[in-house]
Amino acid sequence: MNLAYIPSPSTGVVHLGPIPLRGYAFCIIIGVFVAVWLGNKRWIARGGRSGTIADIAVWAVPFGLVGGRLYHVITDYELYFGPGRDWVGAFKIWEGGLGIWGAIALGAVGAWIGCRRRGIPLPAYADAIAPGIAVAQAIGRWGNWFNQELYGRPTDLPWALKIDPDPAIGRIGGTYHPTFLYESLWCLGVAALVIWADRKFKLGHGRAFAVYVAAYTVGRFWTEYLRVDTAHHFLGLRLNGWTAILVFLAAVAYFVISSKRVPGRELVVEPGAAEEAAAEGASKEGASEGSASEDGASKPDLTKPAADAKPAPGADKR
């Protein structure tokens, strides 16, 4: 009997009157806000305008959600279109089921559209947002905890995850590897790695994003090896495992080729942003100097006698 384990929530939804508040959705929303906040700080540090990251995220996030859901439904189509299944479930995103591969791929299309509208290079935007995406994934993985899904093999380790039985979906109760927690912690490590590497090596032209992708796929391959949920296999390996390998190789290849073709970092990430910042700084400096000048004119120095001052009558003239 395992006396130490991580409990699972008894339900993944709390009703506020007639409104259902779902833990899975909350994790995704919080992750998006954190990613935009961190990306905005990094974008400003690179010389961009505040708010640009959020403006482009308006395009990237919806595309990413659609892409993530499409990847899940296509790779696990039998869950929605098999015998006895209800195809309407394919649209119930709040019940879980987002494929990160599809989310990143289609999210990049949305980001590209947003970048083109602002005249911004997509690689620079990707570098700024990369660690934020990793943190968002770390937060989003807790949505799997609320839904009691995507856990690993049975284990009696002290940090095992307690899963409740559910005959309706064929879920067997017990204690399992908390792969959601493993991946969450791994993603936080990936975010820290990207920030460190970017500061030390001044990564540019999409290479910080490539570091994020390569590092994430290594951890994802390991968690895929531990998972026991139903999945398609090819040559004895889960489909997501093969995807992780291919994406890792693509990220490394991009990093190497990009380093040779366009070394260094972009000098300008957002046209006009540097000029606006300089003009604003000059305006503030001019206003400050003007204020100081006015203050000085209104307060004459009383410690020195006036040059045309005359001695008072009867004053000692010796």
Protein backbone atom coordinates (compact mmCIF):
# COMPACT_ATOMS: atom_id res chain seq x y z
CA MET A 1 0.00 0.00 0.00
CA ASN A 2 1.38 3.39 -1.01
CA LEU A 3 1.08 5.79 1.92
CA ALA A 4 2.57 8.82 0.14
CA TYR A 5 1.21 10.10 -3.14
CA ILE A 6 -0.06 13.20 -4.96
CA PRO A 7 -3.87 13.32 -4.77
CA SER A 8 -5.95 14.16 -7.83
CA PRO A 9 -8.82 16.66 -7.72
CA SER A 10 -12.17 15.00 -7.27
CA THR A 11 -13.50 17.17 -10.10
CA GLY A 12 -11.99 19.34 -12.78
CA VAL A 13 -14.84 21.86 -12.77
CA VAL A 14 -16.39 24.15 -10.18
CA HIS A 15 -19.80 25.68 -10.84
CA LEU A 16 -20.30 29.34 -10.06
CA GLY A 17 -24.06 29.31 -10.29
CA PRO A 18 -24.83 28.22 -13.86
CA ILE A 19 -21.30 29.05 -15.02
CA PRO A 20 -18.78 26.16 -15.07
CA LEU A 21 -15.21 27.12 -14.13
CA ARG A 22 -12.87 24.48 -15.53
CA GLY A 23 -9.39 23.94 -14.15
CA TYR A 24 -8.05 22.95 -17.58
CA ALA A 25 -9.19 26.23 -19.14
CA PHE A 26 -7.86 28.27 -16.22
CA CYS A 27 -4.40 26.74 -16.61
CA ILE A 28 -4.33 27.60 -20.31
CA ILE A 29 -5.52 31.17 -19.73
CA ILE A 30 -3.03 31.81 -16.93
CA GLY A 31 -0.25 30.35 -19.06
CA VAL A 32 -1.08 32.68 -21.95
CA PHE A 33 -1.04 35.76 -19.71
CA VAL A 34 2.32 34.80 -18.18
CA ALA A 35 3.81 34.13 -21.63
CA VAL A 36 2.69 37.53 -22.93
CA TRP A 37 3.95 39.31 -19.79
CA LEU A 38 7.40 37.71 -19.96
CA GLY A 39 7.59 38.11 -23.73
CA ASN A 40 6.74 41.79 -23.42
CA LYS A 41 9.58 42.37 -20.94
CA ARG A 42 12.05 40.62 -23.23
CA TRP A 43 10.75 42.48 -26.31
CA ILE A 44 11.20 45.88 -24.67
CA ALA A 45 14.72 44.88 -23.60
CA ARG A 46 15.47 44.05 -27.25
CA GLY A 47 14.33 47.52 -28.36
CA GLY A 48 10.68 46.90 -29.19
CA ARG A 49 7.52 48.70 -28.14
CA SER A 50 5.50 47.74 -25.11
CA GLY A 51 2.29 46.00 -26.16
CA THR A 52 3.58 44.58 -29.44
CA ILE A 53 3.83 41.05 -28.03
CA ALA A 54 0.19 41.18 -26.90
CA ASP A 55 -0.97 42.57 -30.24
CA ILE A 56 0.64 39.70 -32.12
CA ALA A 57 -0.55 37.17 -29.53
CA VAL A 58 -4.10 38.11 -30.53
CA TRP A 59 -3.30 36.30 -33.78
CA ALA A 60 -1.00 33.60 -32.46
CA VAL A 61 -3.09 32.29 -29.54
CA PRO A 62 -6.32 31.46 -31.44
CA PHE A 63 -4.33 29.87 -34.26
CA GLY A 64 -2.37 27.89 -31.68
CA LEU A 65 -5.49 26.60 -29.93
CA VAL A 66 -7.00 25.49 -33.23
CA GLY A 67 -3.74 23.87 -34.31
CA GLY A 68 -3.33 22.08 -31.00
CA ARG A 69 -6.86 20.71 -31.14
CA LEU A 70 -6.54 19.67 -34.78
CA TYR A 71 -3.35 17.72 -34.07
CA HIS A 72 -5.01 15.92 -31.16
CA VAL A 73 -8.17 15.06 -33.06
CA ILE A 74 -6.29 13.89 -36.16
CA THR A 75 -3.82 11.71 -34.26
CA ASP A 76 -6.52 10.31 -31.95
CA TYR A 77 -9.44 10.34 -34.35
CA GLU A 78 -10.82 7.05 -33.02
CA LEU A 79 -11.77 8.84 -29.78
CA TYR A 80 -14.31 10.93 -31.69
CA PHE A 81 -15.14 9.13 -34.92
CA GLY A 82 -14.87 5.45 -33.96
CA PRO A 83 -17.78 3.08 -33.34
CA GLY A 84 -20.05 4.38 -30.60
CA ARG A 85 -18.24 7.71 -30.42
CA ASP A 86 -19.80 11.17 -30.61
CA TRP A 87 -18.02 13.42 -33.13
CA VAL A 88 -19.27 16.49 -31.25
CA GLY A 89 -16.66 15.67 -28.60
CA ALA A 90 -13.98 16.81 -31.04
CA PHE A 91 -15.04 20.39 -30.28
CA LYS A 92 -15.06 20.02 -26.49
CA ILE A 93 -11.61 21.46 -25.93
CA TRP A 94 -12.32 22.02 -22.21
CA GLU A 95 -12.28 18.26 -21.67
CA GLY A 96 -8.60 18.17 -22.57
CA GLY A 97 -6.68 17.32 -25.68
CA LEU A 98 -4.25 19.84 -27.15
CA GLY A 99 -1.22 18.71 -29.13
CA ILE A 100 1.74 21.04 -28.57
CA TRP A 101 3.13 20.20 -32.01
CA GLY A 102 0.01 21.50 -33.75
CA ALA A 103 -0.25 24.44 -31.37
CA ILE A 104 3.29 25.64 -32.14
CA ALA A 105 2.96 25.02 -35.89
CA LEU A 106 -0.33 26.83 -36.44
CA GLY A 107 0.44 29.37 -33.71
CA ALA A 108 3.54 30.30 -35.73
CA VAL A 109 1.28 30.97 -38.73
CA GLY A 110 -0.82 33.33 -36.63
CA ALA A 111 2.31 35.03 -35.28
CA TRP A 112 3.64 35.41 -38.83
CA ILE A 113 0.43 37.18 -39.86
CA GLY A 114 0.64 39.49 -36.86
CA CYS A 115 4.33 40.21 -37.48
CA ARG A 116 3.75 41.05 -41.14
CA ARG A 117 1.03 43.51 -40.18
CA ARG A 118 3.51 45.26 -37.84
CA GLY A 119 6.56 44.97 -40.10
CA ILE A 120 8.39 42.82 -37.54
CA PRO A 121 10.70 39.86 -38.28
CA LEU A 122 9.10 36.64 -37.05
CA PRO A 123 12.41 35.14 -35.75
CA ALA A 124 12.94 38.13 -33.44
CA TYR A 125 9.41 37.77 -32.07
CA ALA A 126 9.93 34.03 -31.60
CA ASP A 127 13.14 34.64 -29.63
CA ALA A 128 11.37 37.07 -27.30
CA ILE A 129 8.39 34.81 -26.62
CA ALA A 130 10.26 31.46 -26.43
CA PRO A 131 10.82 31.20 -22.64
CA GLY A 132 7.30 32.49 -22.06
CA ILE A 133 5.90 29.63 -24.14
CA ALA A 134 7.85 27.15 -22.01
CA VAL A 135 6.44 28.68 -18.81
CA ALA A 136 2.93 28.62 -20.32
CA GLN A 137 3.38 24.91 -21.04
CA ALA A 138 4.52 24.33 -17.46
CA ILE A 139 1.33 25.96 -16.19
CA GLY A 140 -0.89 24.35 -18.80
CA ARG A 141 0.24 20.84 -17.85
CA TRP A 142 -1.56 21.24 -14.53
CA GLY A 143 -4.76 21.15 -16.56
CA ASN A 144 -4.02 17.45 -17.12
CA TRP A 145 -3.90 17.05 -13.34
CA PHE A 146 -7.40 18.51 -13.02
CA ASN A 147 -8.66 16.12 -15.71
CA GLN A 148 -6.76 13.07 -14.38
CA GLU A 149 -5.21 12.35 -17.77
CA LEU A 150 -1.86 11.72 -19.47
CA TYR A 151 -0.26 9.99 -16.50
CA GLY A 152 2.57 7.47 -16.71
CA ARG A 153 3.22 3.90 -15.70
CA PRO A 154 2.14 2.47 -12.32
CA THR A 155 4.57 3.26 -9.51
CA ASP A 156 4.74 3.31 -5.73
CA LEU A 157 7.18 6.21 -5.49
CA PRO A 158 6.38 8.81 -2.80
CA TRP A 159 5.48 11.35 -5.51
CA ALA A 160 3.18 8.96 -7.39
CA LEU A 161 -0.09 10.39 -8.70
CA LYS A 162 -3.32 8.92 -7.33
CA ILE A 163 -5.83 8.29 -10.14
CA ASP A 164 -9.48 7.52 -9.43
CA PRO A 165 -11.15 4.66 -11.31
CA ASP A 166 -13.69 5.54 -14.01
CA PRO A 167 -15.27 2.50 -15.73
CA ALA A 168 -17.10 4.78 -18.19
CA ILE A 169 -13.83 5.62 -19.93
CA GLY A 170 -11.92 2.50 -18.93
CA ARG A 171 -9.71 4.27 -16.40
CA ILE A 172 -8.18 1.99 -13.77
CA GLY A 173 -7.52 3.51 -10.37
CA GLY A 174 -4.08 3.36 -8.79
CA THR A 175 -0.87 5.31 -8.38
CA TYR A 176 1.07 6.31 -11.48
CA HIS A 177 4.04 8.41 -12.57
CA PRO A 178 2.91 12.07 -12.61
CA THR A 179 4.13 12.81 -16.13
CA PHE A 180 2.24 16.11 -16.06
CA LEU A 181 4.47 17.18 -13.16
CA TYR A 182 7.64 15.89 -14.81
CA GLU A 183 6.91 17.86 -17.97
CA SER A 184 5.88 20.95 -16.01
CA LEU A 185 9.19 21.02 -14.13
CA TRP A 186 11.11 20.27 -17.32
CA CYS A 187 9.46 23.22 -19.08
CA LEU A 188 10.46 25.56 -16.25
CA GLY A 189 14.03 24.32 -16.67
CA VAL A 190 13.81 24.91 -20.43
CA ALA A 191 12.65 28.50 -19.84
CA ALA A 192 15.59 29.12 -17.51
CA LEU A 193 17.98 27.58 -20.05
CA VAL A 194 16.74 29.80 -22.87
CA ILE A 195 17.00 32.96 -20.77
CA TRP A 196 20.53 32.05 -19.63
CA ALA A 197 21.74 31.10 -23.12
CA ASP A 198 20.21 34.23 -24.65
CA ARG A 199 21.94 36.50 -22.15
CA LYS A 200 25.30 34.77 -22.40
CA PHE A 201 25.51 34.24 -26.16
CA LYS A 202 23.24 37.06 -27.43
CA LEU A 203 21.13 34.70 -29.51
CA GLY A 204 19.23 36.15 -32.42
CA HIS A 205 17.43 35.36 -35.68
CA GLY A 206 15.28 32.63 -34.09
CA ARG A 207 18.09 30.75 -32.34
CA ALA A 208 16.69 31.29 -28.82
CA PHE A 209 13.46 29.73 -30.06
CA ALA A 210 15.43 26.84 -31.55
CA VAL A 211 17.07 26.24 -28.16
CA TYR A 212 13.61 26.11 -26.57
CA VAL A 213 12.32 23.64 -29.16
CA ALA A 214 15.36 21.35 -28.96
CA ALA A 215 15.43 21.32 -25.15
CA TYR A 216 11.69 20.75 -24.85
CA THR A 217 11.66 17.79 -27.25
CA VAL A 218 14.30 15.99 -25.17
CA GLY A 219 12.08 16.08 -22.11
CA ARG A 220 8.96 15.30 -24.11
CA PHE A 221 10.57 12.16 -25.55
CA TRP A 222 11.25 10.94 -22.01
CA THR A 223 7.72 11.61 -20.73
CA GLU A 224 6.25 9.95 -23.82
CA TYR A 225 8.26 6.85 -22.93
CA LEU A 226 6.60 6.78 -19.49
CA ARG A 227 3.01 7.39 -20.58
CA VAL A 228 0.48 4.55 -20.78
CA ASP A 229 -2.51 6.25 -22.43
CA THR A 230 -3.66 4.93 -25.77
CA ALA A 231 -1.54 6.16 -28.68
CA HIS A 232 -0.53 5.18 -32.20
CA HIS A 233 2.81 3.39 -32.47
CA PHE A 234 5.29 3.15 -35.32
CA LEU A 235 8.21 0.73 -35.16
CA GLY A 236 7.53 0.21 -31.47
CA LEU A 237 7.63 3.92 -30.61
CA ARG A 238 4.74 6.25 -29.84
CA LEU A 239 3.86 8.72 -32.60
CA ASN A 240 4.68 11.68 -30.37
CA GLY A 241 8.07 10.13 -29.68
CA TRP A 242 8.89 10.11 -33.38
CA THR A 243 7.58 13.66 -33.69
CA ALA A 244 9.86 14.76 -30.84
CA ILE A 245 12.88 13.23 -32.59
CA LEU A 246 12.12 14.89 -35.94
CA VAL A 247 11.41 18.29 -34.38
CA PHE A 248 14.61 18.07 -32.31
CA LEU A 249 16.69 17.41 -35.44
CA ALA A 250 14.98 20.27 -37.28
CA ALA A 251 15.64 22.69 -34.39
CA VAL A 252 19.31 21.75 -34.18
CA ALA A 253 19.73 22.03 -37.95
CA TYR A 254 18.12 25.47 -37.93
CA PHE A 255 20.36 26.62 -35.08
CA VAL A 256 23.54 25.53 -36.90
CA ILE A 257 22.57 26.89 -40.32
CA SER A 258 21.27 30.16 -38.89
CA SER A 259 24.45 30.70 -36.88
CA LYS A 260 26.52 30.46 -40.05
CA ARG A 261 24.26 32.51 -42.32
CA VAL A 262 23.23 35.33 -39.97
CA PRO A 263 25.50 35.40 -36.91
CA GLY A 264 24.84 37.76 -34.05
CA ARG A 265 21.59 39.39 -33.07
CA GLU A 266 19.21 41.74 -34.89
CA LEU A 267 20.09 45.39 -34.34
CA VAL A 268 16.50 46.49 -34.97
CA VAL A 269 13.53 44.32 -33.99
CA GLU A 270 10.75 46.87 -34.47
CA PRO A 271 11.05 49.74 -36.98
CA GLY A 272 10.69 53.17 -35.39
CA ALA A 273 10.68 51.92 -31.80
CA ALA A 274 14.22 53.12 -31.02
CA GLU A 275 13.57 56.55 -32.55
CA GLU A 276 10.36 56.94 -30.56
CA ALA A 277 12.11 55.97 -27.34
CA ALA A 278 14.93 58.46 -28.04
CA ALA A 279 12.46 61.24 -28.86
CA GLU A 280 10.46 60.55 -25.74
CA GLY A 281 13.62 60.58 -23.65
CA ALA A 282 14.73 63.88 -25.20
CA SER A 283 11.29 65.37 -24.60
CA LYS A 284 11.36 64.40 -20.94
CA GLU A 285 14.91 65.73 -20.58
CA GLY A 286 13.94 69.03 -22.21
CA ALA A 287 10.92 69.36 -19.96
CA SER A 288 13.08 68.67 -16.93
CA GLU A 289 15.67 71.28 -17.96
CA GLY A 290 12.94 73.82 -18.68
CA SER A 291 11.44 73.27 -15.27
CA ALA A 292 14.82 73.70 -13.62
CA SER A 293 15.43 76.91 -15.61
CA GLU A 294 12.10 78.39 -14.57
CA ASP A 295 12.72 77.50 -10.96
CA GLY A 296 16.16 79.15 -11.09
CA ALA A 297 14.75 82.38 -12.61
CA SER A 298 12.11 82.74 -9.94
CA LYS A 299 14.51 82.24 -7.07
CA PRO A 300 17.37 84.83 -7.18
CA ASP A 301 20.46 84.22 -5.06
CA LEU A 302 20.04 86.33 -1.90
CA THR A 303 23.44 85.46 -0.48
CA LYS A 304 25.26 88.02 -2.67
CA PRO A 305 24.73 91.81 -2.53
CA ALA A 306 23.37 93.43 -5.62
CA ALA A 307 25.98 95.15 -7.81
CA ASP A 308 24.18 98.52 -7.81
CA ALA A 309 23.33 98.51 -4.12
CA LYS A 310 23.98 101.90 -2.37
CA PRO A 311 25.09 102.26 1.25
CA ALA A 312 22.41 103.38 3.61
CA PRO A 313 22.61 106.96 4.98
CA GLY A 314 24.86 107.17 7.97
CA ALA A 315 26.64 104.01 7.19
CA ASP A 316 30.31 103.77 8.20
CA LYS A 317 32.44 104.70 5.16
CA ARG A 318 35.81 103.99 6.63
